[in-house]
């Protein structure tokens, strides 16, 4: 079972993996938006938000949860 909310500092690529392909709500220190998690690697995550690619450092993610 996937966690319903992933909060910093628990935002890691291994915790995000079950959410790949899902619509998620993402919060950073300066933004809050909805998008699709496409990929996650050791230090970053790739999202698509309104047809725009967004790549963020995992350190910038405050929380991620399914939409």
PDB file of N, CA and C in Angstrom:
ATOM      1  N   UNK A   1       0.833  -1.180   0.000  1.00  0.00           N
ATOM      2  CA  UNK A   1       0.000   0.000   0.000  1.00  0.00           C
ATOM      3  C   UNK A   1       0.874   1.239   0.000  1.00  0.00           C
ATOM      4  N   UNK A   2       0.570   2.203  -0.863  1.00  0.00           N
ATOM      5  CA  UNK A   2       1.327   3.439  -0.964  1.00  0.00           C
ATOM      6  C   UNK A   2       0.899   4.415   0.118  1.00  0.00           C
ATOM      7  N   UNK A   3       1.860   5.199   0.612  1.00  0.00           N
ATOM      8  CA  UNK A   3       1.465   6.223   1.570  1.00  0.00           C
ATOM      9  C   UNK A   3       0.559   7.242   0.896  1.00  0.00           C
ATOM     10  N   UNK A   4      -0.360   7.815   1.641  1.00  0.00           N
ATOM     11  CA  UNK A   4      -1.268   8.786   1.047  1.00  0.00           C
ATOM     12  C   UNK A   4      -0.637  10.162   0.953  1.00  0.00           C
ATOM     13  N   UNK A   5       0.266  10.487   1.878  1.00  0.00           N
ATOM     14  CA  UNK A   5       0.976  11.762   1.837  1.00  0.00           C
ATOM     15  C   UNK A   5       2.432  11.485   2.152  1.00  0.00           C
ATOM     16  N   UNK A   6       3.308  12.033   1.325  1.00  0.00           N
ATOM     17  CA  UNK A   6       4.737  11.902   1.551  1.00  0.00           C
ATOM     18  C   UNK A   6       5.251  13.283   1.907  1.00  0.00           C
ATOM     19  N   UNK A   7       5.758  13.450   3.111  1.00  0.00           N
ATOM     20  CA  UNK A   7       6.272  14.732   3.567  1.00  0.00           C
ATOM     21  C   UNK A   7       7.791  14.689   3.667  1.00  0.00           C
ATOM     22  N   UNK A   8       8.389  15.852   3.479  1.00  0.00           N
ATOM     23  CA  UNK A   8       9.821  16.004   3.661  1.00  0.00           C
ATOM     24  C   UNK A   8      10.150  15.689   5.116  1.00  0.00           C
ATOM     25  N   UNK A   9      11.222  15.042   5.456  1.00  0.00           N
ATOM     26  CA  UNK A   9      12.327  14.603   4.605  1.00  0.00           C
ATOM     27  C   UNK A   9      12.139  13.217   3.996  1.00  0.00           C
ATOM     28  N   UNK A  10      10.951  12.657   4.088  1.00  0.00           N
ATOM     29  CA  UNK A  10      10.703  11.307   3.571  1.00  0.00           C
ATOM     30  C   UNK A  10      10.527  11.263   2.056  1.00  0.00           C
ATOM     31  N   UNK A  11      10.616  12.407   1.366  1.00  0.00           N
ATOM     32  CA  UNK A  11      10.457  12.413  -0.086  1.00  0.00           C
ATOM     33  C   UNK A  11      11.756  11.894  -0.709  1.00  0.00           C
ATOM     34  N   UNK A  12      11.737  10.618  -1.076  1.00  0.00           N
ATOM     35  CA  UNK A  12      12.882   9.979  -1.716  1.00  0.00           C
ATOM     36  C   UNK A  12      12.394   9.307  -2.995  1.00  0.00           C
ATOM     37  N   UNK A  13      13.326   8.965  -3.863  1.00  0.00           N
ATOM     38  CA  UNK A  13      12.917   8.323  -5.109  1.00  0.00           C
ATOM     39  C   UNK A  13      12.245   6.980  -4.851  1.00  0.00           C
ATOM     40  N   UNK A  14      12.687   6.222  -3.859  1.00  0.00           N
ATOM     41  CA  UNK A  14      12.067   4.924  -3.598  1.00  0.00           C
ATOM     42  C   UNK A  14      10.646   5.068  -3.059  1.00  0.00           C
ATOM     43  N   UNK A  15      10.370   6.127  -2.326  1.00  0.00           N
ATOM     44  CA  UNK A  15       9.021   6.360  -1.810  1.00  0.00           C
ATOM     45  C   UNK A  15       8.110   6.894  -2.925  1.00  0.00           C
ATOM     46  N   UNK A  16       8.668   7.673  -3.851  1.00  0.00           N
ATOM     47  CA  UNK A  16       7.871   8.221  -4.953  1.00  0.00           C
ATOM     48  C   UNK A  16       7.548   7.187  -6.028  1.00  0.00           C
ATOM     49  N   UNK A  17       8.372   6.164  -6.181  1.00  0.00           N
ATOM     50  CA  UNK A  17       8.189   5.194  -7.273  1.00  0.00           C
ATOM     51  C   UNK A  17       6.773   4.657  -7.421  1.00  0.00           C
ATOM     52  N   UNK A  18       6.068   4.295  -6.337  1.00  0.00           N
ATOM     53  CA  UNK A  18       4.703   3.782  -6.512  1.00  0.00           C
ATOM     54  C   UNK A  18       3.731   4.811  -7.101  1.00  0.00           C
ATOM     55  N   UNK A  19       4.094   6.085  -7.076  1.00  0.00           N
ATOM     56  CA  UNK A  19       3.219   7.133  -7.611  1.00  0.00           C
ATOM     57  C   UNK A  19       3.503   7.459  -9.079  1.00  0.00           C
ATOM     58  N   UNK A  20       4.502   6.799  -9.693  1.00  0.00           N
ATOM     59  CA  UNK A  20       4.806   7.071 -11.106  1.00  0.00           C
ATOM     60  C   UNK A  20       3.580   6.826 -11.966  1.00  0.00           C
ATOM     61  N   UNK A  21       3.306   7.786 -12.828  1.00  0.00           N
ATOM     62  CA  UNK A  21       2.159   7.691 -13.720  1.00  0.00           C
ATOM     63  C   UNK A  21       0.871   8.222 -13.120  1.00  0.00           C
ATOM     64  N   UNK A  22       0.909   8.567 -11.847  1.00  0.00           N
ATOM     65  CA  UNK A  22      -0.303   9.036 -11.156  1.00  0.00           C
ATOM     66  C   UNK A  22      -0.387  10.561 -11.143  1.00  0.00           C
ATOM     67  N   UNK A  23      -1.621  11.044 -11.047  1.00  0.00           N
ATOM     68  CA  UNK A  23      -1.854  12.466 -10.816  1.00  0.00           C
ATOM     69  C   UNK A  23      -1.528  12.728  -9.349  1.00  0.00           C
ATOM     70  N   UNK A  24      -0.695  13.732  -9.097  1.00  0.00           N
ATOM     71  CA  UNK A  24      -0.277  14.041  -7.739  1.00  0.00           C
ATOM     72  C   UNK A  24      -0.400  15.532  -7.456  1.00  0.00           C
ATOM     73  N   UNK A  25      -0.454  15.853  -6.186  1.00  0.00           N
ATOM     74  CA  UNK A  25      -0.389  17.236  -5.725  1.00  0.00           C
ATOM     75  C   UNK A  25       0.995  17.407  -5.118  1.00  0.00           C
ATOM     76  N   UNK A  26       1.704  18.427  -5.576  1.00  0.00           N
ATOM     77  CA  UNK A  26       3.086  18.654  -5.166  1.00  0.00           C
ATOM     78  C   UNK A  26       3.185  20.008  -4.474  1.00  0.00           C
ATOM     79  N   UNK A  27       3.911  20.025  -3.368  1.00  0.00           N
ATOM     80  CA  UNK A  27       4.167  21.295  -2.686  1.00  0.00           C
ATOM     81  C   UNK A  27       5.668  21.451  -2.522  1.00  0.00           C
ATOM     82  N   UNK A  28       6.164  22.619  -2.905  1.00  0.00           N
ATOM     83  CA  UNK A  28       7.553  22.992  -2.667  1.00  0.00           C
ATOM     84  C   UNK A  28       7.523  24.177  -1.711  1.00  0.00           C
ATOM     85  N   UNK A  29       8.681  24.703  -1.389  1.00  0.00           N
ATOM     86  CA  UNK A  29       8.726  25.853  -0.505  1.00  0.00           C
ATOM     87  C   UNK A  29       8.073  27.086  -1.087  1.00  0.00           C
ATOM     88  N   UNK A  30       7.942  27.139  -2.424  1.00  0.00           N
ATOM     89  CA  UNK A  30       7.400  28.341  -3.060  1.00  0.00           C
ATOM     90  C   UNK A  30       6.216  28.095  -3.983  1.00  0.00           C
ATOM     91  N   UNK A  31       5.770  26.835  -4.127  1.00  0.00           N
ATOM     92  CA  UNK A  31       4.684  26.555  -5.082  1.00  0.00           C
ATOM     93  C   UNK A  31       3.852  25.361  -4.624  1.00  0.00           C
ATOM     94  N   UNK A  32       2.653  25.283  -5.222  1.00  0.00           N
ATOM     95  CA  UNK A  32       1.717  24.185  -4.952  1.00  0.00           C
ATOM     96  C   UNK A  32       0.996  23.940  -6.265  1.00  0.00           C
ATOM     97  N   UNK A  33       1.045  22.706  -6.815  1.00  0.00           N
ATOM     98  CA  UNK A  33       0.411  22.433  -8.093  1.00  0.00           C
ATOM     99  C   UNK A  33       0.064  20.960  -8.234  1.00  0.00           C
ATOM    100  N   UNK A  34      -0.701  20.663  -9.287  1.00  0.00           N
ATOM    101  CA  UNK A  34      -1.104  19.294  -9.616  1.00  0.00           C
ATOM    102  C   UNK A  34      -0.466  18.906 -10.947  1.00  0.00           C
ATOM    103  N   UNK A  35      -0.042  17.657 -11.023  1.00  0.00           N
ATOM    104  CA  UNK A  35       0.553  17.172 -12.262  1.00  0.00           C
ATOM    105  C   UNK A  35       0.687  15.662 -12.220  1.00  0.00           C
ATOM    106  N   UNK A  36       1.378  15.117 -13.210  1.00  0.00           N
ATOM    107  CA  UNK A  36       1.620  13.684 -13.306  1.00  0.00           C
ATOM    108  C   UNK A  36       3.090  13.416 -13.029  1.00  0.00           C
ATOM    109  N   UNK A  37       3.372  12.501 -12.125  1.00  0.00           N
ATOM    110  CA  UNK A  37       4.749  12.097 -11.862  1.00  0.00           C
ATOM    111  C   UNK A  37       5.170  11.113 -12.943  1.00  0.00           C
ATOM    112  N   UNK A  38       6.152  11.487 -13.748  1.00  0.00           N
ATOM    113  CA  UNK A  38       6.611  10.614 -14.825  1.00  0.00           C
ATOM    114  C   UNK A  38       7.778   9.744 -14.416  1.00  0.00           C
ATOM    115  N   UNK A  39       8.699  10.308 -13.646  1.00  0.00           N
ATOM    116  CA  UNK A  39       9.904   9.569 -13.315  1.00  0.00           C
ATOM    117  C   UNK A  39      10.519  10.142 -12.050  1.00  0.00           C
ATOM    118  N   UNK A  40      11.296   9.313 -11.383  1.00  0.00           N
ATOM    119  CA  UNK A  40      12.071   9.788 -10.242  1.00  0.00           C
ATOM    120  C   UNK A  40      13.372   9.007 -10.207  1.00  0.00           C
ATOM    121  N   UNK A  41      14.442   9.714  -9.929  1.00  0.00           N
ATOM    122  CA  UNK A  41      15.766   9.112  -9.840  1.00  0.00           C
ATOM    123  C   UNK A  41      16.379   9.529  -8.511  1.00  0.00           C
ATOM    124  N   UNK A  42      17.639   9.266  -8.321  1.00  0.00           N
ATOM    125  CA  UNK A  42      18.282   9.473  -7.030  1.00  0.00           C
ATOM    126  C   UNK A  42      18.028  10.859  -6.431  1.00  0.00           C
ATOM    127  N   UNK A  43      18.166  11.916  -7.229  1.00  0.00           N
ATOM    128  CA  UNK A  43      18.096  13.271  -6.675  1.00  0.00           C
ATOM    129  C   UNK A  43      17.005  14.148  -7.256  1.00  0.00           C
ATOM    130  N   UNK A  44      16.192  13.629  -8.194  1.00  0.00           N
ATOM    131  CA  UNK A  44      15.191  14.495  -8.827  1.00  0.00           C
ATOM    132  C   UNK A  44      13.939  13.732  -9.228  1.00  0.00           C
ATOM    133  N   UNK A  45      12.896  14.495  -9.489  1.00  0.00           N
ATOM    134  CA  UNK A  45      11.621  13.931  -9.947  1.00  0.00           C
ATOM    135  C   UNK A  45      11.143  14.751 -11.141  1.00  0.00           C
ATOM    136  N   UNK A  46      10.519  14.066 -12.102  1.00  0.00           N
ATOM    137  CA  UNK A  46      10.056  14.686 -13.334  1.00  0.00           C
ATOM    138  C   UNK A  46       8.542  14.608 -13.347  1.00  0.00           C
ATOM    139  N   UNK A  47       7.921  15.763 -13.473  1.00  0.00           N
ATOM    140  CA  UNK A  47       6.465  15.884 -13.515  1.00  0.00           C
ATOM    141  C   UNK A  47       6.049  16.548 -14.815  1.00  0.00           C
ATOM    142  N   UNK A  48       4.801  16.332 -15.223  1.00  0.00           N
ATOM    143  CA  UNK A  48       4.196  17.101 -16.305  1.00  0.00           C
ATOM    144  C   UNK A  48       3.025  17.850 -15.692  1.00  0.00           C
ATOM    145  N   UNK A  49       3.045  19.173 -15.869  1.00  0.00           N
ATOM    146  CA  UNK A  49       2.010  20.055 -15.332  1.00  0.00           C
ATOM    147  C   UNK A  49       1.471  20.876 -16.502  1.00  0.00           C
ATOM    148  N   UNK A  50       0.202  20.656 -16.869  1.00  0.00           N
ATOM    149  CA  UNK A  50      -0.405  21.392 -17.984  1.00  0.00           C
ATOM    150  C   UNK A  50       0.475  21.392 -19.227  1.00  0.00           C
ATOM    151  N   UNK A  51       0.941  20.214 -19.644  1.00  0.00           N
ATOM    152  CA  UNK A  51       1.777  20.033 -20.840  1.00  0.00           C
ATOM    153  C   UNK A  51       3.161  20.657 -20.729  1.00  0.00           C
ATOM    154  N   UNK A  52       3.601  20.974 -19.524  1.00  0.00           N
ATOM    155  CA  UNK A  52       4.935  21.522 -19.303  1.00  0.00           C
ATOM    156  C   UNK A  52       5.731  20.547 -18.441  1.00  0.00           C
ATOM    157  N   UNK A  53       6.942  20.222 -18.881  1.00  0.00           N
ATOM    158  CA  UNK A  53       7.818  19.363 -18.091  1.00  0.00           C
ATOM    159  C   UNK A  53       8.405  20.157 -16.931  1.00  0.00           C
ATOM    160  N   UNK A  54       8.392  19.551 -15.751  1.00  0.00           N
ATOM    161  CA  UNK A  54       8.960  20.173 -14.558  1.00  0.00           C
ATOM    162  C   UNK A  54       9.871  19.148 -13.899  1.00  0.00           C
ATOM    163  N   UNK A  55      11.141  19.487 -13.760  1.00  0.00           N
ATOM    164  CA  UNK A  55      12.091  18.609 -13.079  1.00  0.00           C
ATOM    165  C   UNK A  55      12.532  19.326 -11.815  1.00  0.00           C
ATOM    166  N   UNK A  56      12.355  18.653 -10.687  1.00  0.00           N
ATOM    167  CA  UNK A  56      12.682  19.248  -9.392  1.00  0.00           C
ATOM    168  C   UNK A  56      13.654  18.369  -8.615  1.00  0.00           C
ATOM    169  N   UNK A  57      14.521  19.015  -7.880  1.00  0.00           N
ATOM    170  CA  UNK A  57      15.370  18.307  -6.940  1.00  0.00           C
ATOM    171  C   UNK A  57      14.470  17.747  -5.834  1.00  0.00           C
ATOM    172  N   UNK A  58      14.756  16.541  -5.389  1.00  0.00           N
ATOM    173  CA  UNK A  58      13.969  15.960  -4.298  1.00  0.00           C
ATOM    174  C   UNK A  58      14.080  16.812  -3.033  1.00  0.00           C
ATOM    175  N   UNK A  59      15.177  17.533  -2.888  1.00  0.00           N
ATOM    176  CA  UNK A  59      15.363  18.397  -1.722  1.00  0.00           C
ATOM    177  C   UNK A  59      14.380  19.570  -1.723  1.00  0.00           C
ATOM    178  N   UNK A  60      13.848  19.927  -2.902  1.00  0.00           N
ATOM    179  CA  UNK A  60      12.896  21.038  -3.012  1.00  0.00           C
ATOM    180  C   UNK A  60      11.462  20.615  -2.715  1.00  0.00           C
ATOM    181  N   UNK A  61      11.196  19.313  -2.675  1.00  0.00           N
ATOM    182  CA  UNK A  61       9.836  18.830  -2.469  1.00  0.00           C
ATOM    183  C   UNK A  61       9.498  18.826  -0.976  1.00  0.00           C
ATOM    184  N   UNK A  62       8.411  19.509  -0.633  1.00  0.00           N
ATOM    185  CA  UNK A  62       7.939  19.523   0.762  1.00  0.00           C
ATOM    186  C   UNK A  62       6.975  18.367   0.985  1.00  0.00           C
ATOM    187  N   UNK A  63       6.056  18.146   0.016  1.00  0.00           N
ATOM    188  CA  UNK A  63       5.144  17.010   0.113  1.00  0.00           C
ATOM    189  C   UNK A  63       4.643  16.632  -1.266  1.00  0.00           C
ATOM    190  N   UNK A  64       4.257  15.374  -1.404  1.00  0.00           N
ATOM    191  CA  UNK A  64       3.679  14.832  -2.630  1.00  0.00           C
ATOM    192  C   UNK A  64       2.593  13.860  -2.195  1.00  0.00           C
ATOM    193  N   UNK A  65       1.403  13.988  -2.781  1.00  0.00           N
ATOM    194  CA  UNK A  65       0.358  13.014  -2.470  1.00  0.00           C
ATOM    195  C   UNK A  65      -0.548  12.830  -3.678  1.00  0.00           C
ATOM    196  N   UNK A  66      -1.205  11.674  -3.774  1.00  0.00           N
ATOM    197  CA  UNK A  66      -2.108  11.420  -4.904  1.00  0.00           C
ATOM    198  C   UNK A  66      -3.218  12.459  -4.941  1.00  0.00           C
ATOM    199  N   UNK A  67      -3.610  12.842  -6.147  1.00  0.00           N
ATOM    200  CA  UNK A  67      -4.677  13.826  -6.332  1.00  0.00           C
ATOM    201  C   UNK A  67      -6.020  13.162  -6.192  1.00  0.00           C
TER     202      UNK A  67
END
